[in-house]
C-alpha atoms as a PDB file:
ATOM      1  CA  UNK A   1      10.607  71.806 204.170  1.00  0.00           C
ATOM      2  CA  UNK A   2      11.388  74.280 206.902  1.00  0.00           C
ATOM      3  CA  UNK A   3       9.323  75.257 209.936  1.00  0.00           C
ATOM      4  CA  UNK A   4       8.051  78.503 208.375  1.00  0.00           C
ATOM      5  CA  UNK A   5       6.379  76.390 205.646  1.00  0.00           C
ATOM      6  CA  UNK A   6       4.775  73.816 207.944  1.00  0.00           C
ATOM      7  CA  UNK A   7       0.987  73.626 207.905  1.00  0.00           C
ATOM      8  CA  UNK A   8      -0.712  74.669 211.144  1.00  0.00           C
ATOM      9  CA  UNK A   9      -1.449  72.055 213.799  1.00  0.00           C
ATOM     10  CA  UNK A  10       0.664  69.294 212.208  1.00  0.00           C
ATOM     11  CA  UNK A  11       3.497  67.564 214.030  1.00  0.00           C
ATOM     12  CA  UNK A  12       6.925  67.237 212.440  1.00  0.00           C
ATOM     13  CA  UNK A  13      10.350  66.046 213.558  1.00  0.00           C
ATOM     14  CA  UNK A  14      13.302  68.429 213.479  1.00  0.00           C
ATOM     15  CA  UNK A  15      15.867  67.124 211.021  1.00  0.00           C
ATOM     16  CA  UNK A  16      18.561  69.769 211.550  1.00  0.00           C
ATOM     17  CA  UNK A  17      19.200  73.475 211.973  1.00  0.00           C
ATOM     18  CA  UNK A  18      20.323  74.955 208.659  1.00  0.00           C
ATOM     19  CA  UNK A  19      22.183  78.244 209.041  1.00  0.00           C
ATOM     20  CA  UNK A  20      24.460  80.247 206.799  1.00  0.00           C
ATOM     21  CA  UNK A  21      27.758  81.541 208.133  1.00  0.00           C
ATOM     22  CA  UNK A  22      26.160  84.819 209.261  1.00  0.00           C
ATOM     23  CA  UNK A  23      23.333  82.939 211.035  1.00  0.00           C
ATOM     24  CA  UNK A  24      25.495  80.723 213.271  1.00  0.00           C
ATOM     25  CA  UNK A  25      24.544  82.652 216.411  1.00  0.00           C
ATOM     26  CA  UNK A  26      20.832  82.290 215.586  1.00  0.00           C
ATOM     27  CA  UNK A  27      21.273  78.533 215.090  1.00  0.00           C
ATOM     28  CA  UNK A  28      23.078  78.202 218.423  1.00  0.00           C
ATOM     29  CA  UNK A  29      20.303  80.113 220.224  1.00  0.00           C
ATOM     30  CA  UNK A  30      17.608  77.911 218.704  1.00  0.00           C
ATOM     31  CA  UNK A  31      19.459  74.793 219.842  1.00  0.00           C
ATOM     32  CA  UNK A  32      19.907  76.194 223.351  1.00  0.00           C
ATOM     33  CA  UNK A  33      16.149  76.654 223.789  1.00  0.00           C
ATOM     34  CA  UNK A  34      15.336  73.119 222.598  1.00  0.00           C
ATOM     35  CA  UNK A  35      15.171  73.073 218.806  1.00  0.00           C
ATOM     36  CA  UNK A  36      17.294  69.942 218.447  1.00  0.00           C
ATOM     37  CA  UNK A  37      17.356  67.184 215.826  1.00  0.00           C
ATOM     38  CA  UNK A  38      14.784  64.513 216.661  1.00  0.00           C
ATOM     39  CA  UNK A  39      12.486  66.777 218.698  1.00  0.00           C
ATOM     40  CA  UNK A  40       8.830  67.017 217.717  1.00  0.00           C
ATOM     41  CA  UNK A  41       7.604  70.458 216.669  1.00  0.00           C
ATOM     42  CA  UNK A  42       4.249  71.977 215.712  1.00  0.00           C
ATOM     43  CA  UNK A  43       3.227  75.446 214.459  1.00  0.00           C
ATOM     44  CA  UNK A  44       0.190  76.387 216.543  1.00  0.00           C
ATOM     45  CA  UNK A  45      -0.706  79.697 214.873  1.00  0.00           C
ATOM     46  CA  UNK A  46       0.637  82.684 212.934  1.00  0.00           C
ATOM     47  CA  UNK A  47       0.627  86.295 214.061  1.00  0.00           C
ATOM     48  CA  UNK A  48      -1.794  88.705 212.454  1.00  0.00           C
ATOM     49  CA  UNK A  49      -1.370  90.546 210.162  1.00  0.00           C
ATOM     50  CA  UNK A  50       1.411  89.231 207.970  1.00  0.00           C
ATOM     51  CA  UNK A  51       1.883  85.845 209.616  1.00  0.00           C
ATOM     52  CA  UNK A  52       4.831  86.884 211.795  1.00  0.00           C
ATOM     53  CA  UNK A  53       5.673  85.670 214.423  1.00  0.00           C
ATOM     54  CA  UNK A  54       4.813  81.988 214.481  1.00  0.00           C
ATOM     55  CA  UNK A  55       3.687  80.393 217.734  1.00  0.00           C
ATOM     56  CA  UNK A  56       5.540  77.079 217.906  1.00  0.00           C
ATOM     57  CA  UNK A  57       5.536  74.158 220.316  1.00  0.00           C
ATOM     58  CA  UNK A  58       8.692  72.098 220.652  1.00  0.00           C
ATOM     59  CA  UNK A  59       8.601  69.345 223.241  1.00  0.00           C
ATOM     60  CA  UNK A  60       6.586  70.768 226.138  1.00  0.00           C
ATOM     61  CA  UNK A  61       7.569  74.406 225.537  1.00  0.00           C
ATOM     62  CA  UNK A  62       5.864  77.099 223.466  1.00  0.00           C
ATOM     63  CA  UNK A  63       7.771  79.915 221.727  1.00  0.00           C
ATOM     64  CA  UNK A  64       7.149  82.801 219.358  1.00  0.00           C
ATOM     65  CA  UNK A  65       9.617  82.674 216.464  1.00  0.00           C
ATOM     66  CA  UNK A  66      10.177  85.111 213.632  1.00  0.00           C
ATOM     67  CA  UNK A  67       9.841  83.612 210.155  1.00  0.00           C
ATOM     68  CA  UNK A  68      13.584  84.158 209.601  1.00  0.00           C
ATOM     69  CA  UNK A  69      14.289  81.970 212.646  1.00  0.00           C
ATOM     70  CA  UNK A  70      11.763  79.326 211.611  1.00  0.00           C
ATOM     71  CA  UNK A  71      13.341  79.117 208.145  1.00  0.00           C
ATOM     72  CA  UNK A  72      16.535  77.760 209.757  1.00  0.00           C
ATOM     73  CA  UNK A  73      14.717  74.698 211.135  1.00  0.00           C
ATOM     74  CA  UNK A  74      14.544  71.873 208.593  1.00  0.00           C
ATOM     75  CA  UNK A  75      11.812  69.280 209.132  1.00  0.00           C
ATOM     76  CA  UNK A  76      11.102  65.678 208.286  1.00  0.00           C
ATOM     77  CA  UNK A  77       7.828  63.788 208.666  1.00  0.00           C
ATOM     78  CA  UNK A  78       7.066  62.449 212.107  1.00  0.00           C
ATOM     79  CA  UNK A  79       7.485  58.675 212.148  1.00  0.00           C
ATOM     80  CA  UNK A  80       4.279  56.755 212.676  1.00  0.00           C
ATOM     81  CA  UNK A  81       4.273  54.938 216.012  1.00  0.00           C
ATOM     82  CA  UNK A  82       4.213  51.166 215.640  1.00  0.00           C
END
């Protein structure tokens, strides 16, 4: 699942940034602002109308991402704390 598909207000762990050859710059920019493997991420809300952009929290920072950017961020379930 990617970040654009994540249900609202649920916490996920970033697995990796998936980018095609023409999206390498976008992937680098996402990593520079904190979208790194292992970080926790949550979609707070969607823009209206059309659901774009997404308001996303990663770590302690909040960003607005376009759906095309969010689709590059592959997720895995957050591990349950023991």
